[in-house]
Amino acid sequence: MVCLVYSAVPEKMLMVLAMIFGGHLLPFGGLYKSKSYMYSSVIVTISVLIIGCTCAPDIIALFMLLYEIVFTGCLFIGNKKTYARNAK
């Protein structure tokens, strides 16, 4: 898929890679029973599509960098809550 996009429209390759990344988060939501993964899957995929169609690839890279920082914090908080709940 990415190879086809790269050969046809190389400037949209980063957008497609980011959308594929977002789609791959969804199964982890069910596997780990984590809302962070499920919500992130939808947020990343839709946001990157909108940003990718309206802005330069640099903005997608910046968005993904900032979102990954927020996502990591959400996972950290979710794991602390899960650990505290299971420790009781």
N, C-alpha and C. Protein backbone atom coordinates (compact mmCIF):
# COMPACT_ATOMS: atom_id res chain seq x y z
N MET A 1 0.83 -1.19 0.00
CA MET A 1 0.00 0.00 0.00
C MET A 1 0.87 1.25 0.00
N VAL A 2 1.82 1.31 0.92
CA VAL A 2 2.67 2.49 1.01
C VAL A 2 3.51 2.64 -0.25
N CYS A 3 3.94 1.53 -0.82
CA CYS A 3 4.73 1.58 -2.05
C CYS A 3 3.92 2.18 -3.20
N LEU A 4 2.65 1.85 -3.27
CA LEU A 4 1.80 2.42 -4.31
C LEU A 4 1.62 3.92 -4.13
N VAL A 5 1.43 4.33 -2.89
CA VAL A 5 1.28 5.76 -2.60
C VAL A 5 2.58 6.48 -2.91
N TYR A 6 3.70 5.88 -2.53
CA TYR A 6 4.99 6.52 -2.77
C TYR A 6 5.25 6.69 -4.26
N SER A 7 4.88 5.71 -5.05
CA SER A 7 5.12 5.83 -6.49
C SER A 7 4.16 6.82 -7.15
N ALA A 8 2.96 6.95 -6.63
CA ALA A 8 1.98 7.85 -7.24
C ALA A 8 2.06 9.28 -6.69
N VAL A 9 2.09 9.41 -5.36
CA VAL A 9 2.08 10.72 -4.71
C VAL A 9 3.06 10.69 -3.52
N PRO A 10 4.33 10.88 -3.78
CA PRO A 10 5.34 10.71 -2.71
C PRO A 10 5.15 11.64 -1.51
N GLU A 11 4.59 12.83 -1.72
CA GLU A 11 4.43 13.76 -0.61
C GLU A 11 3.35 13.33 0.39
N LYS A 12 2.53 12.37 0.03
CA LYS A 12 1.48 11.87 0.94
C LYS A 12 1.89 10.59 1.67
N MET A 13 3.14 10.14 1.47
CA MET A 13 3.57 8.89 2.08
C MET A 13 3.57 8.97 3.61
N LEU A 14 4.01 10.07 4.16
CA LEU A 14 4.02 10.22 5.62
C LEU A 14 2.61 10.15 6.19
N MET A 15 1.66 10.74 5.50
CA MET A 15 0.27 10.68 5.93
C MET A 15 -0.22 9.24 5.96
N VAL A 16 0.07 8.49 4.92
CA VAL A 16 -0.38 7.09 4.86
C VAL A 16 0.29 6.25 5.93
N LEU A 17 1.58 6.45 6.15
CA LEU A 17 2.27 5.70 7.21
C LEU A 17 1.68 6.00 8.58
N ALA A 18 1.37 7.27 8.85
CA ALA A 18 0.79 7.65 10.13
C ALA A 18 -0.62 7.06 10.29
N MET A 19 -1.38 7.00 9.20
CA MET A 19 -2.73 6.42 9.28
C MET A 19 -2.65 4.91 9.51
N ILE A 20 -1.69 4.25 8.88
CA ILE A 20 -1.50 2.82 9.12
C ILE A 20 -1.10 2.58 10.57
N PHE A 21 -0.23 3.43 11.10
CA PHE A 21 0.15 3.32 12.51
C PHE A 21 -1.08 3.44 13.40
N GLY A 22 -1.93 4.42 13.13
CA GLY A 22 -3.14 4.61 13.92
C GLY A 22 -4.06 3.40 13.85
N GLY A 23 -4.20 2.82 12.68
CA GLY A 23 -5.05 1.64 12.53
C GLY A 23 -4.52 0.43 13.28
N HIS A 24 -3.21 0.35 13.41
CA HIS A 24 -2.62 -0.79 14.12
C HIS A 24 -2.79 -0.69 15.64
N LEU A 25 -3.21 0.45 16.15
CA LEU A 25 -3.43 0.58 17.59
C LEU A 25 -4.73 -0.06 18.05
N LEU A 26 -5.71 -0.17 17.15
CA LEU A 26 -7.04 -0.66 17.53
C LEU A 26 -7.03 -2.06 18.14
N PRO A 27 -6.35 -3.04 17.58
CA PRO A 27 -6.37 -4.38 18.20
C PRO A 27 -5.80 -4.40 19.62
N PHE A 28 -4.86 -3.50 19.89
CA PHE A 28 -4.29 -3.47 21.23
C PHE A 28 -5.30 -2.98 22.27
N GLY A 29 -6.26 -2.19 21.83
CA GLY A 29 -7.32 -1.75 22.74
C GLY A 29 -8.10 -2.92 23.30
N GLY A 30 -8.44 -3.87 22.46
CA GLY A 30 -9.15 -5.06 22.92
C GLY A 30 -8.24 -6.02 23.67
N LEU A 31 -7.01 -6.15 23.20
CA LEU A 31 -6.07 -7.07 23.81
C LEU A 31 -5.73 -6.66 25.24
N TYR A 32 -5.44 -5.39 25.44
CA TYR A 32 -5.06 -4.90 26.76
C TYR A 32 -6.23 -4.27 27.52
N LYS A 33 -7.42 -4.25 26.92
CA LYS A 33 -8.59 -3.60 27.51
C LYS A 33 -8.27 -2.16 27.90
N SER A 34 -7.69 -1.45 26.94
CA SER A 34 -7.23 -0.08 27.18
C SER A 34 -8.00 0.90 26.30
N LYS A 35 -8.62 1.86 26.93
CA LYS A 35 -9.33 2.89 26.19
C LYS A 35 -8.35 3.81 25.46
N SER A 36 -7.16 3.96 26.02
CA SER A 36 -6.15 4.82 25.37
C SER A 36 -5.83 4.33 23.98
N TYR A 37 -5.66 3.04 23.81
CA TYR A 37 -5.36 2.50 22.49
C TYR A 37 -6.55 2.66 21.54
N MET A 38 -7.75 2.38 22.03
CA MET A 38 -8.92 2.46 21.16
C MET A 38 -9.17 3.89 20.70
N TYR A 39 -9.15 4.83 21.62
CA TYR A 39 -9.38 6.23 21.26
C TYR A 39 -8.25 6.75 20.38
N SER A 40 -7.02 6.39 20.69
CA SER A 40 -5.88 6.86 19.91
C SER A 40 -5.95 6.37 18.48
N SER A 41 -6.41 5.17 18.29
CA SER A 41 -6.53 4.63 16.94
C SER A 41 -7.43 5.51 16.08
N VAL A 42 -8.57 5.87 16.62
CA VAL A 42 -9.52 6.69 15.87
C VAL A 42 -9.00 8.12 15.72
N ILE A 43 -8.49 8.69 16.81
CA ILE A 43 -8.02 10.08 16.79
C ILE A 43 -6.87 10.25 15.81
N VAL A 44 -5.88 9.36 15.87
CA VAL A 44 -4.72 9.49 14.99
C VAL A 44 -5.14 9.34 13.53
N THR A 45 -5.92 8.33 13.22
CA THR A 45 -6.28 8.08 11.83
C THR A 45 -7.06 9.24 11.22
N ILE A 46 -8.06 9.73 11.92
CA ILE A 46 -8.88 10.82 11.38
C ILE A 46 -8.11 12.14 11.37
N SER A 47 -7.37 12.42 12.44
CA SER A 47 -6.61 13.68 12.51
C SER A 47 -5.54 13.75 11.43
N VAL A 48 -4.83 12.66 11.23
CA VAL A 48 -3.77 12.66 10.23
C VAL A 48 -4.36 12.80 8.82
N LEU A 49 -5.51 12.20 8.59
CA LEU A 49 -6.16 12.37 7.29
C LEU A 49 -6.51 13.83 7.04
N ILE A 50 -7.07 14.48 8.04
CA ILE A 50 -7.45 15.89 7.89
C ILE A 50 -6.20 16.77 7.75
N ILE A 51 -5.23 16.55 8.63
CA ILE A 51 -4.00 17.36 8.57
C ILE A 51 -3.24 17.11 7.28
N GLY A 52 -3.19 15.85 6.85
CA GLY A 52 -2.45 15.49 5.65
C GLY A 52 -3.04 16.06 4.38
N CYS A 53 -4.34 16.23 4.36
CA CYS A 53 -5.00 16.79 3.17
C CYS A 53 -4.93 18.31 3.13
N THR A 54 -4.65 18.94 4.26
CA THR A 54 -4.67 20.40 4.30
C THR A 54 -3.32 21.05 4.58
N CYS A 55 -2.35 20.28 5.12
CA CYS A 55 -1.08 20.88 5.54
C CYS A 55 0.11 20.14 4.94
N ALA A 56 1.27 20.67 5.21
CA ALA A 56 2.53 20.08 4.74
C ALA A 56 2.88 18.85 5.59
N PRO A 57 3.71 17.95 5.05
CA PRO A 57 4.11 16.76 5.82
C PRO A 57 4.83 17.10 7.13
N ASP A 58 5.48 18.26 7.19
CA ASP A 58 6.15 18.66 8.44
C ASP A 58 5.15 18.78 9.59
N ILE A 59 3.95 19.24 9.30
CA ILE A 59 2.93 19.40 10.33
C ILE A 59 2.45 18.03 10.82
N ILE A 60 2.37 17.06 9.93
CA ILE A 60 2.00 15.70 10.33
C ILE A 60 3.05 15.14 11.28
N ALA A 61 4.32 15.34 10.95
CA ALA A 61 5.40 14.85 11.80
C ALA A 61 5.35 15.51 13.18
N LEU A 62 5.11 16.80 13.22
CA LEU A 62 5.00 17.51 14.50
C LEU A 62 3.80 17.02 15.30
N PHE A 63 2.65 16.84 14.61
CA PHE A 63 1.46 16.33 15.28
C PHE A 63 1.72 14.95 15.89
N MET A 64 2.34 14.07 15.12
CA MET A 64 2.61 12.72 15.61
C MET A 64 3.57 12.74 16.79
N LEU A 65 4.57 13.59 16.74
CA LEU A 65 5.52 13.70 17.85
C LEU A 65 4.81 14.15 19.12
N LEU A 66 4.00 15.19 19.02
CA LEU A 66 3.28 15.68 20.19
C LEU A 66 2.24 14.68 20.67
N TYR A 67 1.56 14.03 19.72
CA TYR A 67 0.53 13.06 20.11
C TYR A 67 1.15 11.85 20.80
N GLU A 68 2.31 11.42 20.36
CA GLU A 68 2.96 10.28 21.01
C GLU A 68 3.35 10.60 22.45
N ILE A 69 3.72 11.83 22.71
CA ILE A 69 4.03 12.24 24.09
C ILE A 69 2.77 12.16 24.95
N VAL A 70 1.67 12.67 24.42
CA VAL A 70 0.39 12.61 25.15
C VAL A 70 -0.07 11.17 25.32
N PHE A 71 0.06 10.38 24.26
CA PHE A 71 -0.35 8.98 24.28
C PHE A 71 0.45 8.18 25.32
N THR A 72 1.74 8.42 25.38
CA THR A 72 2.58 7.75 26.37
C THR A 72 2.15 8.11 27.79
N GLY A 73 1.81 9.37 28.02
CA GLY A 73 1.32 9.78 29.33
C GLY A 73 0.00 9.10 29.67
N CYS A 74 -0.90 8.99 28.70
CA CYS A 74 -2.18 8.31 28.93
C CYS A 74 -1.98 6.83 29.25
N LEU A 75 -1.07 6.19 28.54
CA LEU A 75 -0.78 4.78 28.83
C LEU A 75 -0.18 4.61 30.22
N PHE A 76 0.70 5.53 30.59
CA PHE A 76 1.33 5.48 31.91
C PHE A 76 0.28 5.62 33.01
N ILE A 77 -0.63 6.56 32.85
CA ILE A 77 -1.69 6.76 33.85
C ILE A 77 -2.62 5.56 33.89
N GLY A 78 -2.97 5.03 32.72
CA GLY A 78 -3.84 3.85 32.66
C GLY A 78 -3.21 2.64 33.32
N ASN A 79 -1.91 2.46 33.12
CA ASN A 79 -1.22 1.33 33.76
C ASN A 79 -1.16 1.49 35.27
N LYS A 80 -0.97 2.72 35.75
CA LYS A 80 -0.96 2.95 37.20
C LYS A 80 -2.32 2.62 37.81
N LYS A 81 -3.40 3.01 37.12
CA LYS A 81 -4.75 2.72 37.62
C LYS A 81 -5.01 1.22 37.62
N THR A 82 -4.60 0.54 36.56
CA THR A 82 -4.79 -0.90 36.48
C THR A 82 -4.00 -1.62 37.57
N TYR A 83 -2.77 -1.20 37.78
CA TYR A 83 -1.93 -1.82 38.80
C TYR A 83 -2.52 -1.58 40.19
N ALA A 84 -3.01 -0.36 40.45
CA ALA A 84 -3.61 -0.06 41.76
C ALA A 84 -4.88 -0.87 41.97
N ARG A 85 -5.67 -1.04 40.93
CA ARG A 85 -6.90 -1.82 41.03
C ARG A 85 -6.61 -3.29 41.28
N ASN A 86 -5.59 -3.83 40.64
CA ASN A 86 -5.24 -5.24 40.80
C ASN A 86 -4.49 -5.53 42.10
N ALA A 87 -3.90 -4.50 42.70
CA ALA A 87 -3.14 -4.69 43.93
C ALA A 87 -4.07 -4.82 45.14
N LYS A 88 -5.30 -4.39 45.01
CA LYS A 88 -6.24 -4.44 46.14
C LYS A 88 -6.66 -5.86 46.45
